[in-house]
């Protein structure tokens, strides 16, 4: 890991890893911050308050400061950063839907990490008038301020979307996510064809549609078992849907699982599936790949980066998900070939390389700033 040329880095993020709503973005942030801290940098992660968590804490070698609600965290953090500008040397902005607008107020070396363009997700996340505002800010109002900012993203697909929004090609870099070394193959698969889906139970993940597609697959694969991992606002609807189809004997909602239990489930499963509407990467798909489990998922930008279609998994439109799940479950040689390729690729994806890539980008901004002011 290179020396960044400055010792104190602040990271602005909407949520942090201990938040009940944490997802792939928070996993990514923890992985690079913990590695930077281990390399000797002083890291402060500023984020929103979450019920039951302390306002300030230490985690994995870096400091976490939680102040403000999901919405007030943005102005509160900006005011604090302006007041404390002498206490840090560089800034990382994690743009998760709502930008921190750091180009307008931060004069320190900085980079922005944007996991994905939300686009159609806004209609799933917010009521119609607010969804329109979110789309407008993301696609039209904010980009002009960021076009000169070094912007990082986990996938070439998202990079292409940012270029379509007017970001400069020389200022957008794709840096692959990693796969934790703990995701390793197990000794054997479950005796029954088991399919797992992991993610927050929310409209954008479309687990309700996944259940509908699993019902289609069940017609051809009578022993199919579907395990849905995660929690969230969609859970009551999913429970009702399962009851309506009398599917309690083969569809399981586990809630959140411990890391150990999640790895064990990936290892036993025949397939990992996702019906998601939008992703920045599809982290659960590469985690499962690390356990030798291939993917069948919706053909969206984020999934195109985490799955090599036809090689490490299969990407299809939502309405073809059920039939494709059945196709792959019933074709053992094809499934084995996909599994082997998925595992081979997962072993090339490391969080060390990802953290180094983000740090190199920040280091380049530090050096550029030094040349301008030197």
Protein backbone atom coordinates (compact mmCIF):
# COMPACT_ATOMS: atom_id res chain seq x y z
CA UNK A 1 0.00 0.00 0.00
CA UNK A 2 1.44 3.37 -1.04
CA UNK A 3 1.93 6.34 1.26
CA UNK A 4 -0.73 8.90 0.53
CA UNK A 5 1.44 11.94 1.22
CA UNK A 6 -0.84 13.02 4.06
CA UNK A 7 -1.77 11.30 7.26
CA UNK A 8 -5.33 12.34 8.03
CA UNK A 9 -8.28 11.42 5.80
CA UNK A 10 -11.97 12.11 6.39
CA UNK A 11 -14.57 9.89 4.72
CA UNK A 12 -18.17 11.08 4.32
CA UNK A 13 -20.76 8.30 4.05
CA UNK A 14 -24.52 8.16 4.40
CA UNK A 15 -24.43 5.09 6.68
CA UNK A 16 -21.76 2.99 8.34
CA UNK A 17 -21.19 -0.74 8.64
CA UNK A 18 -22.94 -1.16 12.01
CA UNK A 19 -26.17 0.44 10.78
CA UNK A 20 -29.07 -2.00 10.43
CA UNK A 21 -29.54 -0.77 6.85
CA UNK A 22 -25.88 -1.22 5.87
CA UNK A 23 -25.24 -2.85 2.52
CA UNK A 24 -22.56 -3.29 -0.11
CA UNK A 25 -21.48 0.36 -0.06
CA UNK A 26 -20.77 0.16 3.67
CA UNK A 27 -18.88 -3.13 3.28
CA UNK A 28 -16.75 -1.51 0.59
CA UNK A 29 -16.02 1.55 2.75
CA UNK A 30 -15.03 -0.54 5.76
CA UNK A 31 -12.67 -2.62 3.65
CA UNK A 32 -10.68 0.31 2.33
CA UNK A 33 -10.78 2.34 5.55
CA UNK A 34 -9.60 -0.55 7.73
CA UNK A 35 -6.71 -1.24 5.34
CA UNK A 36 -5.74 2.41 5.21
CA UNK A 37 -5.80 2.56 9.01
CA UNK A 38 -3.60 -0.54 9.20
CA UNK A 39 -1.16 1.19 6.84
CA UNK A 40 -0.84 4.08 9.30
CA UNK A 41 -3.37 6.65 8.09
CA UNK A 42 -5.63 8.42 10.56
CA UNK A 43 -9.17 7.85 9.28
CA UNK A 44 -12.39 9.53 10.47
CA UNK A 45 -15.64 8.25 9.00
CA UNK A 46 -18.46 10.79 9.34
CA UNK A 47 -21.96 9.35 8.91
CA UNK A 48 -25.57 9.51 10.12
CA UNK A 49 -26.76 8.47 13.57
CA UNK A 50 -28.34 5.04 13.90
CA UNK A 51 -30.55 4.04 16.83
CA UNK A 52 -28.75 2.03 19.45
CA UNK A 53 -25.25 2.99 18.31
CA UNK A 54 -22.88 5.39 20.09
CA UNK A 55 -22.29 8.82 18.59
CA UNK A 56 -18.57 8.12 18.38
CA UNK A 57 -16.75 4.79 18.20
CA UNK A 58 -13.61 3.03 17.04
CA UNK A 59 -13.89 0.20 14.52
CA UNK A 60 -11.17 -1.68 12.67
CA UNK A 61 -8.60 0.98 13.43
CA UNK A 62 -10.58 4.04 12.34
CA UNK A 63 -12.92 6.49 14.08
CA UNK A 64 -16.65 6.63 13.33
CA UNK A 65 -18.65 9.80 14.09
CA UNK A 66 -22.44 9.46 13.80
CA UNK A 67 -24.37 12.75 13.88
CA UNK A 68 -27.59 13.80 12.23
CA UNK A 69 -30.53 11.95 10.74
CA UNK A 70 -30.61 10.29 7.31
CA UNK A 71 -31.22 13.78 5.88
CA UNK A 72 -29.69 16.28 8.32
CA UNK A 73 -26.37 14.43 8.23
CA UNK A 74 -25.54 16.20 4.96
CA UNK A 75 -25.61 19.84 6.13
CA UNK A 76 -24.30 18.90 9.59
CA UNK A 77 -21.31 17.06 8.17
CA UNK A 78 -20.49 19.88 5.76
CA UNK A 79 -20.59 22.48 8.55
CA UNK A 80 -18.37 20.29 10.72
CA UNK A 81 -15.88 19.69 7.92
CA UNK A 82 -15.64 23.42 7.27
CA UNK A 83 -15.08 24.08 10.95
CA UNK A 84 -12.50 21.28 11.27
CA UNK A 85 -10.74 21.88 7.95
CA UNK A 86 -7.35 22.13 9.67
CA UNK A 87 -7.78 18.68 11.21
CA UNK A 88 -7.62 16.63 8.00
CA UNK A 89 -5.51 16.54 4.86
CA UNK A 90 -7.75 14.83 2.27
CA UNK A 91 -11.38 13.88 1.79
CA UNK A 92 -13.25 10.90 0.36
CA UNK A 93 -16.90 11.54 -0.49
CA UNK A 94 -19.15 8.48 -0.81
CA UNK A 95 -22.02 9.60 -3.05
CA UNK A 96 -24.96 7.31 -2.33
CA UNK A 97 -27.91 8.91 -4.09
CA UNK A 98 -27.58 12.33 -2.44
CA UNK A 99 -24.25 14.12 -3.10
CA UNK A 100 -22.30 15.93 -0.40
CA UNK A 101 -21.41 18.61 -2.98
CA UNK A 102 -17.78 18.60 -1.84
CA UNK A 103 -16.58 20.46 -4.98
CA UNK A 104 -18.40 23.54 -3.68
CA UNK A 105 -16.85 23.70 -0.21
CA UNK A 106 -13.81 21.41 0.13
CA UNK A 107 -10.44 22.86 -0.88
CA UNK A 108 -8.47 19.82 0.25
CA UNK A 109 -7.40 17.01 -2.11
CA UNK A 110 -10.44 14.79 -2.56
CA UNK A 111 -12.03 11.97 -4.52
CA UNK A 112 -15.65 10.87 -4.87
CA UNK A 113 -16.71 7.23 -4.87
CA UNK A 114 -20.05 6.63 -6.61
CA UNK A 115 -21.23 3.02 -6.59
CA UNK A 116 -24.02 3.39 -9.12
CA UNK A 117 -26.39 5.81 -10.80
CA UNK A 118 -29.74 5.36 -9.05
CA UNK A 119 -31.90 6.18 -12.08
CA UNK A 120 -35.04 4.00 -11.83
CA UNK A 121 -34.34 3.31 -8.15
CA UNK A 122 -35.69 6.74 -7.19
CA UNK A 123 -39.27 5.64 -7.89
CA UNK A 124 -38.74 2.66 -5.57
CA UNK A 125 -37.15 4.70 -2.80
CA UNK A 126 -39.25 7.88 -2.60
CA UNK A 127 -42.79 9.17 -3.29
CA UNK A 128 -43.24 10.47 -6.83
CA UNK A 129 -42.52 14.22 -6.30
CA UNK A 130 -39.40 13.48 -4.23
CA UNK A 131 -38.29 10.79 -6.69
CA UNK A 132 -38.34 13.42 -9.43
CA UNK A 133 -36.17 15.70 -7.30
CA UNK A 134 -33.71 12.88 -6.64
CA UNK A 135 -33.41 12.03 -10.33
CA UNK A 136 -32.99 15.69 -11.25
CA UNK A 137 -30.24 16.28 -8.70
CA UNK A 138 -28.38 13.10 -9.66
CA UNK A 139 -28.66 13.43 -13.43
CA UNK A 140 -28.71 17.18 -14.04
CA UNK A 141 -27.92 19.47 -11.09
CA UNK A 142 -24.96 17.73 -9.41
CA UNK A 143 -22.89 16.38 -12.34
CA UNK A 144 -21.64 19.77 -13.59
CA UNK A 145 -19.98 20.35 -10.22
CA UNK A 146 -18.25 16.95 -10.29
CA UNK A 147 -16.97 16.78 -13.85
CA UNK A 148 -13.49 17.86 -12.77
CA UNK A 149 -13.51 15.70 -9.64
CA UNK A 150 -11.64 12.40 -9.60
CA UNK A 151 -14.61 10.03 -9.45
CA UNK A 152 -14.27 6.33 -8.70
CA UNK A 153 -16.76 3.56 -9.35
CA UNK A 154 -16.66 -0.23 -8.95
CA UNK A 155 -17.65 -1.08 -12.52
CA UNK A 156 -17.05 -0.15 -16.13
CA UNK A 157 -20.83 -0.17 -16.61
CA UNK A 158 -21.32 2.59 -14.04
CA UNK A 159 -18.36 4.46 -15.50
CA UNK A 160 -20.14 4.43 -18.87
CA UNK A 161 -23.30 5.82 -17.23
CA UNK A 162 -21.32 8.65 -15.65
CA UNK A 163 -19.77 9.53 -18.99
CA UNK A 164 -23.30 9.74 -20.42
CA UNK A 165 -24.10 12.26 -17.66
CA UNK A 166 -21.21 14.42 -18.84
CA UNK A 167 -18.39 13.32 -16.51
CA UNK A 168 -14.94 13.65 -18.11
CA UNK A 169 -13.46 10.30 -19.27
CA UNK A 170 -10.03 11.12 -17.82
CA UNK A 171 -11.61 11.82 -14.40
CA UNK A 172 -13.61 8.59 -13.93
CA UNK A 173 -11.87 5.36 -12.91
CA UNK A 174 -13.42 1.92 -12.39
CA UNK A 175 -11.90 -0.07 -9.51
CA UNK A 176 -13.26 -3.57 -8.94
CA UNK A 177 -14.68 -4.57 -5.59
CA UNK A 178 -13.00 -7.39 -3.73
CA UNK A 179 -14.09 -10.69 -2.25
CA UNK A 180 -13.20 -11.39 1.37
CA UNK A 181 -10.86 -14.35 1.82
CA UNK A 182 -13.41 -15.95 4.16
CA UNK A 183 -15.64 -16.79 1.20
CA UNK A 184 -14.31 -20.22 0.26
CA UNK A 185 -15.90 -23.36 -1.21
CA UNK A 186 -17.38 -25.94 1.16
CA UNK A 187 -17.15 -29.69 1.04
CA UNK A 188 -20.50 -30.40 -0.59
CA UNK A 189 -23.72 -28.86 -1.85
CA UNK A 190 -27.15 -29.32 -0.27
CA UNK A 191 -28.93 -32.55 -1.26
CA UNK A 192 -31.88 -30.59 -2.64
CA UNK A 193 -31.52 -27.89 -5.34
CA UNK A 194 -31.10 -24.81 -3.14
CA UNK A 195 -31.16 -21.25 -4.43
CA UNK A 196 -30.11 -18.32 -2.22
CA UNK A 197 -30.76 -14.60 -2.54
CA UNK A 198 -29.07 -12.11 -0.20
CA UNK A 199 -29.91 -8.45 0.26
CA UNK A 200 -32.00 -5.88 2.07
CA UNK A 201 -35.69 -6.68 1.74
CA UNK A 202 -36.63 -3.54 -0.16
CA UNK A 203 -38.59 -2.74 -3.33
CA UNK A 204 -35.45 -2.09 -5.39
CA UNK A 205 -34.22 -5.64 -4.69
CA UNK A 206 -37.54 -7.05 -5.99
CA UNK A 207 -37.69 -10.16 -3.82
CA UNK A 208 -41.44 -10.18 -4.45
CA UNK A 209 -40.78 -10.67 -8.16
CA UNK A 210 -38.14 -13.26 -7.31
CA UNK A 211 -40.73 -15.33 -5.47
CA UNK A 212 -42.97 -15.17 -8.52
CA UNK A 213 -40.12 -16.38 -10.72
CA UNK A 214 -39.24 -19.12 -8.23
CA UNK A 215 -42.83 -20.39 -8.51
CA UNK A 216 -42.22 -20.75 -12.25
CA UNK A 217 -38.95 -22.62 -11.68
CA UNK A 218 -40.66 -24.87 -9.13
CA UNK A 219 -42.91 -26.31 -11.84
CA UNK A 220 -39.86 -27.84 -13.53
CA UNK A 221 -37.75 -28.42 -10.40
CA UNK A 222 -40.21 -29.80 -7.80
CA UNK A 223 -37.56 -30.11 -5.07
CA UNK A 224 -36.44 -26.47 -5.39
CA UNK A 225 -35.65 -24.67 -2.13
CA UNK A 226 -35.43 -20.84 -2.06
CA UNK A 227 -33.66 -19.12 0.84
CA UNK A 228 -33.96 -15.32 1.09
CA UNK A 229 -31.46 -13.68 3.45
CA UNK A 230 -31.88 -10.17 4.81
CA UNK A 231 -34.38 -7.90 6.49
CA UNK A 232 -36.19 -4.71 5.62
CA UNK A 233 -39.53 -3.02 4.88
CA UNK A 234 -40.61 -5.55 2.25
CA UNK A 235 -40.66 -8.45 4.73
CA UNK A 236 -44.40 -8.31 5.65
CA UNK A 237 -45.33 -8.32 1.96
CA UNK A 238 -43.03 -11.28 1.31
CA UNK A 239 -44.49 -13.22 4.23
CA UNK A 240 -47.99 -12.59 2.87
CA UNK A 241 -46.90 -13.69 -0.60
CA UNK A 242 -45.38 -16.91 0.72
CA UNK A 243 -48.52 -17.68 2.72
CA UNK A 244 -50.75 -16.98 -0.29
CA UNK A 245 -48.88 -19.60 -2.30
CA UNK A 246 -48.61 -22.06 0.62
CA UNK A 247 -44.86 -22.03 0.08
CA UNK A 248 -43.58 -22.11 3.67
CA UNK A 249 -42.19 -25.59 3.13
CA UNK A 250 -39.77 -24.46 0.41
CA UNK A 251 -39.30 -20.67 0.72
CA UNK A 252 -37.44 -19.49 3.82
CA UNK A 253 -36.90 -15.94 5.07
CA UNK A 254 -33.89 -16.16 7.37
CA UNK A 255 -33.49 -12.52 8.35
CA UNK A 256 -29.89 -11.40 8.74
CA UNK A 257 -27.27 -14.11 9.18
CA UNK A 258 -23.90 -14.09 10.90
CA UNK A 259 -20.90 -14.05 8.55
CA UNK A 260 -20.20 -17.70 9.41
CA UNK A 261 -23.75 -18.81 8.64
CA UNK A 262 -23.85 -16.77 5.44
CA UNK A 263 -20.69 -18.42 4.14
CA UNK A 264 -22.09 -21.85 5.02
CA UNK A 265 -25.30 -21.07 3.12
CA UNK A 266 -23.40 -19.86 0.05
CA UNK A 267 -21.35 -23.06 0.16
CA UNK A 268 -24.42 -25.33 0.29
CA UNK A 269 -26.41 -23.47 -2.36
CA UNK A 270 -26.54 -24.55 -5.98
CA UNK A 271 -27.17 -21.02 -7.25
CA UNK A 272 -27.18 -17.45 -5.99
CA UNK A 273 -29.90 -15.30 -7.54
CA UNK A 274 -30.79 -11.62 -7.68
CA UNK A 275 -33.84 -9.91 -9.16
CA UNK A 276 -32.52 -6.45 -8.31
CA UNK A 277 -33.53 -3.41 -10.35
CA UNK A 278 -30.18 -1.65 -9.92
CA UNK A 279 -26.81 -2.36 -8.31
CA UNK A 280 -23.39 -0.78 -8.31
CA UNK A 281 -21.65 -4.13 -8.37
CA UNK A 282 -23.68 -7.05 -7.00
CA UNK A 283 -21.43 -7.89 -4.07
CA UNK A 284 -23.45 -10.90 -2.93
CA UNK A 285 -22.92 -12.51 -6.34
CA UNK A 286 -19.13 -12.35 -6.08
CA UNK A 287 -19.25 -13.47 -2.44
CA UNK A 288 -21.16 -16.55 -3.53
CA UNK A 289 -18.72 -17.03 -6.42
CA UNK A 290 -15.94 -17.18 -3.84
CA UNK A 291 -17.79 -20.16 -2.37
CA UNK A 292 -18.03 -21.86 -5.76
CA UNK A 293 -21.67 -20.90 -6.35
CA UNK A 294 -22.60 -19.39 -9.74
CA UNK A 295 -25.25 -16.73 -10.32
CA UNK A 296 -28.49 -16.29 -12.19
CA UNK A 297 -29.45 -12.63 -12.04
CA UNK A 298 -31.19 -9.78 -13.79
CA UNK A 299 -29.32 -8.23 -16.68
CA UNK A 300 -28.51 -4.82 -15.16
CA UNK A 301 -25.35 -2.72 -15.17
CA UNK A 302 -24.07 -3.70 -11.73
CA UNK A 303 -24.60 -7.40 -12.36
CA UNK A 304 -22.70 -7.16 -15.65
CA UNK A 305 -19.61 -6.29 -13.64
CA UNK A 306 -19.95 -8.95 -10.94
CA UNK A 307 -21.04 -11.71 -13.37
CA UNK A 308 -19.46 -12.57 -16.71
CA UNK A 309 -22.57 -13.61 -18.58
CA UNK A 310 -22.39 -17.18 -19.83
CA UNK A 311 -19.09 -17.80 -18.02
CA UNK A 312 -19.48 -17.20 -14.26
CA UNK A 313 -23.28 -17.03 -14.33
CA UNK A 314 -26.26 -16.12 -16.47
CA UNK A 315 -27.86 -12.68 -16.83
CA UNK A 316 -31.43 -12.40 -18.15
CA UNK A 317 -34.40 -10.04 -18.10
CA UNK A 318 -36.54 -10.32 -14.97
CA UNK A 319 -39.34 -12.16 -16.77
CA UNK A 320 -36.91 -14.93 -17.80
CA UNK A 321 -35.42 -15.46 -14.36
CA UNK A 322 -37.59 -18.41 -13.34
CA UNK A 323 -37.07 -20.43 -16.50
CA UNK A 324 -33.34 -19.73 -16.43
CA UNK A 325 -33.03 -20.84 -12.80
CA UNK A 326 -34.70 -24.11 -13.79
CA UNK A 327 -32.49 -24.47 -16.87
CA UNK A 328 -29.28 -24.18 -14.86
CA UNK A 329 -30.47 -26.34 -11.96
CA UNK A 330 -31.37 -29.15 -14.37
CA UNK A 331 -28.08 -28.98 -16.30
CA UNK A 332 -25.38 -30.30 -13.94
CA UNK A 333 -22.42 -30.03 -16.37
CA UNK A 334 -23.31 -26.44 -17.24
CA UNK A 335 -23.76 -25.55 -13.57
CA UNK A 336 -20.39 -27.10 -12.70
CA UNK A 337 -18.63 -25.17 -15.47
CA UNK A 338 -20.20 -21.91 -14.29
CA UNK A 339 -19.20 -22.68 -10.68
CA UNK A 340 -15.58 -23.34 -11.59
CA UNK A 341 -15.32 -20.14 -13.63
CA UNK A 342 -17.05 -18.10 -10.90
CA UNK A 343 -14.58 -19.37 -8.29
CA UNK A 344 -11.59 -18.70 -10.53
CA UNK A 345 -12.66 -15.11 -11.13
CA UNK A 346 -13.54 -14.47 -7.47
CA UNK A 347 -9.98 -15.40 -6.53
CA UNK A 348 -8.69 -12.54 -8.71
CA UNK A 349 -10.79 -9.97 -6.81
CA UNK A 350 -9.18 -8.80 -3.56
CA UNK A 351 -10.04 -6.02 -1.16
CA UNK A 352 -6.33 -5.28 -0.88
CA UNK A 353 -6.21 -4.39 -4.57
CA UNK A 354 -9.45 -2.40 -4.31
CA UNK A 355 -8.22 -0.39 -1.29
CA UNK A 356 -4.90 0.23 -3.02
CA UNK A 357 -6.68 1.49 -6.13
CA UNK A 358 -8.76 4.02 -4.19
CA UNK A 359 -5.70 5.16 -2.27
CA UNK A 360 -3.67 5.59 -5.45
CA UNK A 361 -6.40 7.81 -6.88
CA UNK A 362 -6.43 9.93 -3.71
CA UNK A 363 -2.63 10.06 -3.73
CA UNK A 364 -2.68 11.39 -7.30
CA UNK A 365 -4.99 14.21 -6.19
CA UNK A 366 -2.71 15.03 -3.26
CA UNK A 367 0.28 15.23 -5.59
CA UNK A 368 -1.64 17.32 -8.14
CA UNK A 369 -2.69 19.75 -5.39
CA UNK A 370 0.90 19.96 -4.18
CA UNK A 371 2.17 20.80 -7.67
CA UNK A 372 -0.43 23.55 -8.09
CA UNK A 373 0.34 25.20 -4.77
CA UNK A 374 4.06 24.38 -4.55
